[in-house]
N, C-alpha and C. Protein backbone atom coordinates (compact mmCIF):
# COMPACT_ATOMS: atom_id res chain seq x y z
N MET A 1 154.39 98.43 187.98
CA MET A 1 155.66 99.05 188.36
C MET A 1 156.36 97.68 187.95
N THR A 2 157.56 98.18 187.05
CA THR A 2 158.76 96.73 187.78
C THR A 2 159.94 97.46 188.29
N ALA A 3 161.04 96.20 188.25
CA ALA A 3 161.81 96.95 188.75
C ALA A 3 163.27 97.21 188.22
N ARG A 4 164.08 97.88 188.82
CA ARG A 4 165.16 98.42 187.67
C ARG A 4 166.85 97.66 188.08
N ALA A 5 167.19 96.87 187.04
CA ALA A 5 168.77 95.59 187.57
C ALA A 5 169.45 96.35 186.93
N ASP A 6 170.59 96.32 187.11
CA ASP A 6 171.61 96.78 186.30
C ASP A 6 172.80 96.43 187.21
N VAL A 7 174.25 96.17 186.72
CA VAL A 7 175.23 95.33 186.66
C VAL A 7 175.95 96.25 187.32
N LEU A 8 176.50 96.72 188.26
CA LEU A 8 177.57 98.06 188.64
C LEU A 8 178.90 97.73 188.19
N PHE A 9 179.22 95.92 188.07
CA PHE A 9 180.38 95.86 188.23
C PHE A 9 180.64 94.92 187.48
N ALA A 10 181.41 94.02 186.35
CA ALA A 10 181.05 92.88 185.76
C ALA A 10 182.20 92.10 185.42
N GLY A 11 182.16 91.71 186.72
CA GLY A 11 183.03 90.27 187.67
C GLY A 11 183.77 89.48 186.13
N TYR A 12 185.22 88.61 186.52
CA TYR A 12 186.00 88.07 186.12
C TYR A 12 186.62 86.46 187.54
N ALA A 13 186.89 85.65 186.67
CA ALA A 13 188.25 84.71 186.72
C ALA A 13 188.98 83.73 186.33
N GLY A 14 190.32 84.04 186.20
CA GLY A 14 191.27 83.53 185.43
C GLY A 14 192.43 83.65 185.95
N ALA A 15 193.47 83.60 185.71
CA ALA A 15 194.86 83.48 185.83
C ALA A 15 195.53 84.97 186.82
N ASP A 16 195.19 86.02 185.70
CA ASP A 16 195.54 87.29 186.61
C ASP A 16 194.39 87.95 188.05
N GLY A 17 193.23 87.39 188.79
CA GLY A 17 192.35 87.28 189.31
C GLY A 17 191.07 87.05 189.31
N VAL A 18 190.41 87.67 190.14
CA VAL A 18 188.47 86.55 190.48
C VAL A 18 188.42 88.24 190.87
N ALA A 19 187.14 88.36 190.71
CA ALA A 19 186.16 89.75 191.35
C ALA A 19 184.83 89.06 190.79
N SER A 20 184.10 89.62 191.58
CA SER A 20 182.49 88.76 191.39
C SER A 20 181.58 89.74 190.67
N THR A 21 180.85 89.60 189.74
CA THR A 21 179.82 90.45 189.03
C THR A 21 178.93 90.99 190.04
N ILE A 22 178.83 92.63 190.25
CA ILE A 22 177.79 92.73 191.44
C ILE A 22 176.61 93.85 190.88
N GLY A 23 175.16 93.04 191.06
CA GLY A 23 174.07 94.34 190.57
C GLY A 23 173.88 95.09 191.90
N LEU A 24 172.49 95.61 191.50
CA LEU A 24 172.15 96.91 191.89
C LEU A 24 170.70 96.30 191.21
N VAL A 25 169.59 96.10 192.02
CA VAL A 25 168.38 96.69 191.55
C VAL A 25 167.80 97.36 192.70
N ARG A 26 166.85 98.31 191.52
CA ARG A 26 165.70 99.19 192.99
C ARG A 26 164.19 99.25 191.95
N ASP A 27 163.43 98.78 193.41
CA ASP A 27 162.65 98.57 193.55
C ASP A 27 161.81 99.14 194.31
N GLY A 28 161.02 100.49 194.11
CA GLY A 28 160.17 101.44 195.03
C GLY A 28 161.25 101.53 195.58
N ASP A 29 160.87 101.55 196.84
CA ASP A 29 162.13 102.30 198.06
C ASP A 29 163.27 101.18 198.47
N HIS A 30 163.37 100.50 197.83
CA HIS A 30 164.29 98.89 198.16
C HIS A 30 165.39 99.33 197.37
N THR A 31 166.62 99.49 197.78
CA THR A 31 167.72 99.36 196.53
C THR A 31 168.70 98.55 197.24
N ILE A 32 169.03 97.33 195.96
CA ILE A 32 169.48 95.69 197.25
C ILE A 32 170.72 95.69 195.77
N VAL A 33 171.96 95.59 196.90
CA VAL A 33 173.19 95.13 195.48
C VAL A 33 173.37 93.88 196.23
N ILE A 34 173.56 93.40 195.00
CA ILE A 34 174.26 91.64 195.14
C ILE A 34 175.32 91.56 195.02
N ASP A 35 176.03 90.66 195.88
CA ASP A 35 176.80 90.25 195.71
C ASP A 35 178.59 90.90 196.04
N PRO A 36 178.46 92.42 196.70
CA PRO A 36 179.35 93.49 196.87
C PRO A 36 180.59 92.40 197.48
N GLY A 37 181.00 91.26 196.62
CA GLY A 37 182.62 91.00 196.54
C GLY A 37 184.05 91.82 195.98
N MET A 38 184.65 90.41 195.83
CA MET A 38 185.87 90.94 195.61
C MET A 38 185.99 91.58 193.99
N VAL A 39 186.91 92.96 194.11
CA VAL A 39 186.78 93.69 192.92
C VAL A 39 187.82 94.37 193.14
N PRO A 40 188.99 94.95 191.82
CA PRO A 40 190.40 95.45 191.88
C PRO A 40 190.77 96.72 192.88
N ASP A 41 189.22 97.25 192.75
CA ASP A 41 189.50 98.66 193.50
C ASP A 41 188.10 98.96 194.26
N ARG A 42 188.05 99.24 195.37
CA ARG A 42 186.29 99.33 195.64
C ARG A 42 185.78 100.91 195.27
N ALA A 43 187.13 101.87 194.91
CA ALA A 43 186.15 102.76 193.65
C ALA A 43 185.11 102.73 193.04
N VAL A 44 185.27 101.23 192.03
CA VAL A 44 184.94 100.59 191.00
C VAL A 44 183.32 100.63 191.60
N ILE A 45 183.07 99.89 192.47
CA ILE A 45 181.68 99.83 193.18
C ILE A 45 180.92 101.27 193.28
N TYR A 46 181.83 102.33 194.22
CA TYR A 46 181.30 103.89 193.97
C TYR A 46 181.49 104.86 193.20
N ASP A 47 181.74 104.50 192.73
CA ASP A 47 181.97 105.15 191.10
C ASP A 47 180.65 105.01 189.90
N ALA A 48 180.46 103.56 190.09
CA ALA A 48 179.24 102.36 189.20
C ALA A 48 177.96 103.23 189.68
N LEU A 49 178.17 103.15 191.32
CA LEU A 49 176.81 103.80 192.02
C LEU A 49 176.81 104.90 191.36
N ASP A 50 177.42 106.12 192.07
CA ASP A 50 177.28 107.22 191.86
C ASP A 50 177.01 107.68 190.79
N ALA A 51 177.69 106.82 189.32
CA ALA A 51 177.27 106.73 187.79
C ALA A 51 175.64 107.04 187.66
N LEU A 52 174.89 105.88 188.13
CA LEU A 52 173.31 105.39 188.86
C LEU A 52 172.46 106.49 189.26
N GLY A 53 173.16 107.42 189.88
CA GLY A 53 173.00 108.24 190.98
C GLY A 53 172.01 107.51 192.06
N VAL A 54 172.81 106.97 192.82
CA VAL A 54 172.89 106.20 193.72
C VAL A 54 173.86 106.39 195.09
N ALA A 55 173.43 106.69 196.01
CA ALA A 55 174.20 107.02 197.37
C ALA A 55 174.65 105.76 198.07
N VAL A 56 175.81 105.79 199.12
CA VAL A 56 175.90 104.04 199.26
C VAL A 56 175.16 104.10 200.50
N ASP A 57 174.48 105.11 201.32
CA ASP A 57 173.39 105.19 202.39
C ASP A 57 172.36 105.02 201.54
N ASP A 58 171.78 104.57 200.17
CA ASP A 58 170.65 104.33 199.75
C ASP A 58 170.36 103.35 199.99
N VAL A 59 171.03 102.12 199.78
CA VAL A 59 171.24 100.52 199.88
C VAL A 59 170.42 100.85 201.24
N THR A 60 169.21 99.69 200.84
CA THR A 60 168.63 99.01 201.49
C THR A 60 169.10 97.62 202.36
N ASP A 61 169.28 96.91 201.07
CA ASP A 61 169.52 95.83 200.93
C ASP A 61 170.79 94.54 200.82
N VAL A 62 171.02 93.79 200.88
CA VAL A 62 172.07 93.47 200.83
C VAL A 62 172.31 91.89 200.08
N VAL A 63 172.21 91.03 199.42
CA VAL A 63 172.34 89.73 199.16
C VAL A 63 173.97 89.49 197.96
N VAL A 64 173.78 88.23 199.12
CA VAL A 64 174.40 87.42 198.63
C VAL A 64 173.99 85.83 198.55
N SER A 65 174.98 85.78 197.56
CA SER A 65 175.12 84.08 196.45
C SER A 65 174.97 83.13 196.70
N HIS A 66 175.92 83.47 197.62
CA HIS A 66 177.07 82.49 198.80
C HIS A 66 177.56 83.01 199.39
N HIS A 67 178.39 82.06 200.28
CA HIS A 67 179.51 82.24 201.51
C HIS A 67 180.62 82.82 201.31
N HIS A 68 180.94 82.40 199.87
CA HIS A 68 182.73 82.51 199.25
C HIS A 68 183.13 84.33 199.22
N PRO A 69 184.45 83.91 199.77
CA PRO A 69 184.97 85.81 200.00
C PRO A 69 184.40 86.04 198.29
N ASP A 70 184.85 85.91 197.77
CA ASP A 70 184.74 87.30 196.47
C ASP A 70 183.64 87.44 196.31
N HIS A 71 182.77 86.83 196.62
CA HIS A 71 180.75 87.33 196.21
C HIS A 71 181.10 88.05 198.34
N THR A 72 181.39 87.91 199.30
CA THR A 72 180.87 89.12 200.60
C THR A 72 181.42 90.09 201.06
N VAL A 73 183.08 89.75 200.36
CA VAL A 73 184.20 90.61 200.95
C VAL A 73 183.68 92.38 201.81
N ASN A 74 183.13 92.49 200.37
CA ASN A 74 182.78 94.40 200.46
C ASN A 74 181.30 94.82 201.66
N ILE A 75 181.05 93.69 202.08
CA ILE A 75 179.92 93.93 202.63
C ILE A 75 179.55 94.87 203.68
N ALA A 76 180.77 95.13 203.86
CA ALA A 76 180.75 96.54 205.01
C ALA A 76 181.33 97.44 204.19
N LEU A 77 180.81 97.52 202.86
CA LEU A 77 180.92 99.38 202.54
C LEU A 77 179.84 99.82 202.45
N PHE A 78 178.78 99.27 202.88
CA PHE A 78 177.86 99.74 202.62
C PHE A 78 177.04 99.77 204.63
N PRO A 79 176.01 100.98 204.63
CA PRO A 79 175.49 100.74 205.53
C PRO A 79 174.40 99.64 206.84
N PRO A 80 174.87 99.88 208.15
CA PRO A 80 173.80 98.24 208.26
C PRO A 80 172.56 97.97 207.82
N VAL A 81 172.24 97.46 206.79
CA VAL A 81 170.87 96.78 206.39
C VAL A 81 170.83 94.93 206.57
N PRO A 82 169.59 95.39 205.75
CA PRO A 82 169.59 93.58 206.55
C PRO A 82 170.69 92.75 205.14
N VAL A 83 171.19 91.92 205.76
CA VAL A 83 171.73 90.72 204.16
C VAL A 83 170.78 89.82 204.51
N HIS A 84 170.52 89.09 202.95
CA HIS A 84 169.81 88.16 202.76
C HIS A 84 171.05 86.51 202.07
N ASP A 85 170.62 85.74 202.47
CA ASP A 85 171.60 84.63 202.56
C ASP A 85 170.55 83.81 201.87
N PHE A 86 171.12 82.14 202.05
CA PHE A 86 170.92 81.16 201.59
C PHE A 86 169.44 80.61 203.01
N SER A 87 169.57 81.29 204.20
CA SER A 87 168.94 80.57 205.27
C SER A 87 168.27 81.20 206.28
N ALA A 88 168.86 82.58 206.20
CA ALA A 88 168.30 83.84 206.78
C ALA A 88 168.65 85.10 206.47
N ILE A 89 168.18 86.28 207.35
CA ILE A 89 167.86 87.33 207.16
C ILE A 89 169.06 87.42 208.56
N TYR A 90 170.11 88.68 208.41
CA TYR A 90 171.24 89.20 209.10
C TYR A 90 170.46 90.51 209.48
N ASP A 91 169.76 91.43 210.45
CA ASP A 91 170.28 92.41 210.87
C ASP A 91 170.94 93.37 211.94
N GLY A 92 171.49 94.28 211.90
CA GLY A 92 172.27 94.27 212.75
C GLY A 92 172.60 93.52 213.93
N ASP A 93 172.23 93.40 214.89
CA ASP A 93 172.17 91.99 215.63
C ASP A 93 171.26 90.92 215.39
N GLN A 94 170.39 91.01 215.12
CA GLN A 94 169.59 89.55 214.83
C GLN A 94 169.51 88.91 213.61
N TRP A 95 168.81 87.71 213.19
CA TRP A 95 169.16 87.15 212.93
C TRP A 95 167.72 86.12 212.91
N GLU A 96 167.45 86.29 211.56
CA GLU A 96 165.73 85.85 211.39
C GLU A 96 165.73 84.53 210.18
N ASP A 97 165.91 83.86 211.08
CA ASP A 97 166.21 82.26 210.18
C ASP A 97 164.87 82.23 209.04
N ARG A 98 165.26 81.66 207.60
CA ARG A 98 164.05 82.13 206.80
C ARG A 98 164.45 80.72 205.72
N PRO A 99 163.77 80.39 204.77
CA PRO A 99 164.79 79.76 203.63
C PRO A 99 164.25 80.52 202.61
N ALA A 100 165.40 80.53 201.60
CA ALA A 100 165.56 81.44 200.61
C ALA A 100 163.61 81.01 199.63
N GLU A 101 163.96 79.75 199.68
CA GLU A 101 162.83 79.85 198.47
C GLU A 101 161.58 80.54 198.59
N GLY A 102 161.45 81.34 197.55
CA GLY A 102 160.06 82.16 197.49
C GLY A 102 160.13 83.11 198.25
N ALA A 103 161.32 83.81 198.54
CA ALA A 103 161.43 85.09 199.90
C ALA A 103 161.63 85.53 198.77
N ARG A 104 160.55 86.58 199.71
CA ARG A 104 160.42 87.93 198.56
C ARG A 104 161.29 88.80 199.50
N ILE A 105 161.99 90.19 198.64
CA ILE A 105 163.04 91.18 199.39
C ILE A 105 162.14 92.24 199.23
N SER A 106 161.49 92.54 198.04
CA SER A 106 160.75 93.60 197.55
C SER A 106 159.57 93.15 196.71
N PRO A 107 158.90 93.81 195.94
CA PRO A 107 157.31 93.16 195.36
C PRO A 107 157.93 92.45 193.55
N HIS A 108 159.20 92.90 193.14
CA HIS A 108 159.53 92.53 192.03
C HIS A 108 161.06 91.45 192.17
N VAL A 109 161.56 91.19 193.60
CA VAL A 109 162.60 90.70 194.02
C VAL A 109 162.07 88.81 195.02
N ARG A 110 162.53 88.11 194.54
CA ARG A 110 162.07 87.38 195.12
C ARG A 110 163.92 86.30 194.70
N LEU A 111 164.01 85.48 195.85
CA LEU A 111 165.20 84.63 195.73
C LEU A 111 164.72 83.02 195.79
N ILE A 112 166.00 82.19 195.16
CA ILE A 112 164.95 80.84 195.03
C ILE A 112 166.29 80.23 194.95
N GLU A 113 166.52 78.78 196.07
CA GLU A 113 167.72 77.88 196.29
C GLU A 113 168.47 77.28 194.84
N THR A 114 169.69 77.55 194.72
CA THR A 114 170.26 76.97 193.56
C THR A 114 171.18 76.26 193.77
N PRO A 115 171.25 75.37 194.49
CA PRO A 115 172.34 74.56 195.55
C PRO A 115 173.17 74.16 193.83
N GLY A 116 174.39 73.70 193.99
CA GLY A 116 175.13 73.51 193.19
C GLY A 116 176.62 74.04 193.18
N HIS A 117 176.95 75.21 192.60
CA HIS A 117 178.44 75.88 192.90
C HIS A 117 179.21 75.32 194.55
N SER A 118 178.02 76.35 195.70
CA SER A 118 177.93 75.69 196.34
C SER A 118 176.95 74.73 196.91
N PRO A 119 176.65 74.66 198.41
CA PRO A 119 175.28 73.62 198.78
C PRO A 119 174.47 75.16 199.33
N GLN A 120 174.72 76.35 199.31
CA GLN A 120 173.72 77.59 199.97
C GLN A 120 174.12 78.65 198.57
N ASP A 121 173.70 78.43 197.91
CA ASP A 121 173.54 79.21 197.02
C ASP A 121 172.40 79.82 196.28
N ILE A 122 171.76 80.74 196.60
CA ILE A 122 170.81 81.12 195.71
C ILE A 122 171.22 82.71 194.59
N THR A 123 170.05 82.11 194.16
CA THR A 123 169.77 83.21 193.18
C THR A 123 168.97 83.75 193.25
N THR A 124 168.78 85.38 192.40
CA THR A 124 168.08 86.71 193.44
C THR A 124 167.19 86.68 191.50
N LEU A 125 165.91 87.02 191.68
CA LEU A 125 165.17 87.06 190.53
C LEU A 125 164.09 88.14 190.23
N VAL A 126 164.76 89.04 189.48
CA VAL A 126 163.60 90.54 189.10
C VAL A 126 163.36 90.83 187.77
N ASP A 127 161.72 90.96 188.28
CA ASP A 127 160.66 91.20 187.11
C ASP A 127 161.03 92.53 187.22
N THR A 128 161.92 93.11 185.72
CA THR A 128 162.15 93.86 185.03
C THR A 128 160.78 94.46 183.90
N PRO A 129 160.96 95.61 183.17
CA PRO A 129 160.20 95.69 181.99
C PRO A 129 160.94 94.83 181.00
N GLN A 130 161.98 94.50 181.05
CA GLN A 130 162.82 94.04 179.16
C GLN A 130 162.53 92.50 180.12
N GLY A 131 161.89 92.35 181.24
CA GLY A 131 162.10 90.57 181.60
C GLY A 131 162.44 89.91 183.08
N LEU A 132 162.24 88.48 182.70
CA LEU A 132 163.09 88.29 184.36
C LEU A 132 164.86 88.39 184.15
N VAL A 133 165.14 88.75 185.40
CA VAL A 133 166.37 88.61 185.45
C VAL A 133 166.83 88.58 186.33
N ALA A 134 167.82 87.21 185.99
CA ALA A 134 168.29 85.96 187.31
C ALA A 134 169.78 86.72 187.99
N PHE A 135 169.90 86.67 188.82
CA PHE A 135 171.37 87.36 189.47
C PHE A 135 171.72 85.57 190.20
N THR A 136 172.59 85.00 189.50
CA THR A 136 173.32 83.86 190.06
C THR A 136 174.77 83.53 189.27
N HIS A 137 174.96 81.93 190.44
CA HIS A 137 176.47 82.25 189.84
C HIS A 137 176.22 80.60 190.24
N CYS A 138 175.42 80.03 188.97
CA CYS A 138 174.90 78.91 188.04
C CYS A 138 175.46 78.38 187.15
N TRP A 139 176.13 80.11 187.02
CA TRP A 139 177.09 80.37 185.65
C TRP A 139 178.13 81.43 186.56
N TRP A 140 179.68 80.64 186.17
CA TRP A 140 180.35 81.43 186.37
C TRP A 140 180.55 82.62 185.30
N TYR A 141 179.92 82.73 183.93
CA TYR A 141 180.01 83.74 182.76
C TYR A 141 179.26 82.52 182.10
N GLU A 142 179.03 83.46 180.90
CA GLU A 142 178.50 82.80 179.48
C GLU A 142 179.42 81.81 179.15
N GLY A 143 178.33 80.40 178.56
CA GLY A 143 179.36 79.52 177.52
C GLY A 143 180.07 78.76 178.71
N ILE A 144 180.30 78.94 179.77
CA ILE A 144 181.41 77.93 180.93
C ILE A 144 180.05 76.48 180.45
N GLY A 145 180.97 75.44 180.40
CA GLY A 145 180.66 73.69 181.10
C GLY A 145 179.89 73.94 182.02
N GLY A 146 180.81 73.59 182.41
CA GLY A 146 180.24 72.68 184.48
C GLY A 146 181.08 73.85 185.16
N ASP A 147 181.98 73.51 186.69
CA ASP A 147 181.89 74.00 187.19
C ASP A 147 183.05 73.29 187.96
N SER A 148 184.19 73.62 187.61
CA SER A 148 185.54 72.71 188.58
C SER A 148 185.39 72.54 190.09
N ARG A 149 184.81 73.92 190.85
CA ARG A 149 184.02 73.90 192.35
C ARG A 149 183.58 73.71 192.49
N ALA A 150 182.64 72.63 191.05
CA ALA A 150 180.73 72.65 191.83
C ALA A 150 181.05 71.77 193.35
N THR A 151 180.44 71.71 193.95
CA THR A 151 179.87 70.90 195.13
C THR A 151 178.61 69.79 194.94
N ASP A 152 178.12 70.16 193.89
CA ASP A 152 177.63 69.00 192.85
C ASP A 152 177.16 69.29 191.84
N LEU A 153 177.72 68.84 190.72
CA LEU A 153 177.74 69.28 189.51
C LEU A 153 176.42 68.97 188.78
N ASP A 154 175.44 68.24 189.52
CA ASP A 154 174.08 67.38 189.37
C ASP A 154 172.89 68.69 189.10
N ALA A 155 173.12 68.88 190.51
CA ALA A 155 172.11 70.09 191.54
C ALA A 155 172.38 71.53 190.34
N LEU A 156 174.03 71.86 190.04
CA LEU A 156 174.12 72.95 189.19
C LEU A 156 173.39 72.87 187.75
N MET A 157 173.58 71.39 187.15
CA MET A 157 173.05 71.24 185.85
C MET A 157 171.39 71.23 186.08
N ALA A 158 170.99 71.14 186.61
CA ALA A 158 169.21 70.53 186.92
C ALA A 158 169.29 72.89 187.65
N ASN A 159 169.88 73.50 188.20
CA ASN A 159 169.48 74.70 188.44
C ASN A 159 169.88 75.74 187.35
N ARG A 160 170.43 75.31 186.55
CA ARG A 160 170.89 75.86 185.49
C ARG A 160 169.40 75.83 184.30
N GLN A 161 168.94 74.49 184.37
CA GLN A 161 167.90 74.20 183.25
C GLN A 161 166.60 75.30 183.97
N ARG A 162 166.52 74.66 185.14
CA ARG A 162 165.44 75.89 186.07
C ARG A 162 165.57 77.37 185.87
N ILE A 163 166.91 77.86 185.73
CA ILE A 163 167.02 79.45 185.86
C ILE A 163 166.00 79.55 184.20
N ALA A 164 167.51 78.94 182.98
CA ALA A 164 166.05 79.16 182.04
C ALA A 164 165.60 79.01 181.41
N ALA A 165 164.60 78.24 182.62
CA ALA A 165 162.72 78.20 182.11
C ALA A 165 162.42 79.26 182.09
N LEU A 166 163.19 80.03 183.66
CA LEU A 166 162.67 81.21 184.07
C LEU A 166 162.49 83.02 183.21
N ALA A 167 164.12 83.07 183.56
CA ALA A 167 165.07 84.40 183.15
C ALA A 167 165.07 84.10 181.56
N ASP A 168 164.72 85.79 181.78
CA ASP A 168 165.27 86.60 180.08
C ASP A 168 167.15 86.87 180.05
N LEU A 169 167.17 86.89 181.36
CA LEU A 169 168.75 87.48 180.83
C LEU A 169 169.18 87.01 182.65
N VAL A 170 171.01 86.76 182.17
CA VAL A 170 171.55 85.89 183.38
C VAL A 170 172.25 86.60 183.92
N VAL A 171 172.60 86.90 184.73
CA VAL A 171 174.27 87.49 185.39
C VAL A 171 174.20 86.36 186.03
N PRO A 172 176.12 86.71 186.14
CA PRO A 172 176.28 85.65 186.16
C PRO A 172 177.53 86.07 187.19
N GLY A 173 177.53 84.85 188.10
CA GLY A 173 178.88 85.39 189.56
C GLY A 173 180.09 86.01 189.03
N HIS A 174 180.56 86.15 187.72
CA HIS A 174 181.99 86.37 187.04
C HIS A 174 181.87 86.71 185.77
N GLY A 175 180.96 87.56 185.36
CA GLY A 175 181.41 87.96 184.24
C GLY A 175 180.24 88.78 183.66
N PRO A 176 179.84 89.22 182.16
CA PRO A 176 178.94 90.24 182.12
C PRO A 176 177.86 89.36 181.39
N ALA A 177 176.02 90.11 181.73
CA ALA A 177 175.17 89.27 181.68
C ALA A 177 174.70 88.84 179.95
N PHE A 178 174.21 87.81 179.88
CA PHE A 178 173.47 87.03 178.21
C PHE A 178 172.26 86.90 178.14
N GLU A 179 171.90 86.69 177.68
CA GLU A 179 170.56 86.33 177.25
C GLU A 179 170.62 84.52 177.37
N ILE A 180 169.09 84.71 177.17
CA ILE A 180 168.33 82.87 177.62
C ILE A 180 168.52 82.59 176.00
């Protein structure tokens, strides 16, 4: 058995606004939302979940690729569940330190550390029947050459190569999914 990965909302970044790409992963008893950040209206999140037959209360985990508000601002839309980031799991009033590299959220979902855009970036890797899907902010969108906001462009480019060697499909931080 493998996981199912869907894009709830394909984000964008431009002169007219910024919205994060929001992912949904279902793996056995786990329903994981990735990067519930800025969107034009919160209804797009609710409507996308509803279209996939997922209730907000079904969500068991939230992952944030990094701590910029455009990727985190809507975490509170979901019930109190574990929130995973680069260095810890936050659950209610509990803070469990752990490195993200190699951390497993479910049997077919793991995290890797991929700094570059920010020092705290992580990528969520999902084994699906179609191949390995990488939810990441190493790309804002397909075709972007660099990252004008990167804190370490060399690390970002090295992590792009790392992801490209692993993944079949990339879900970038601010755009639709694309194949490697």
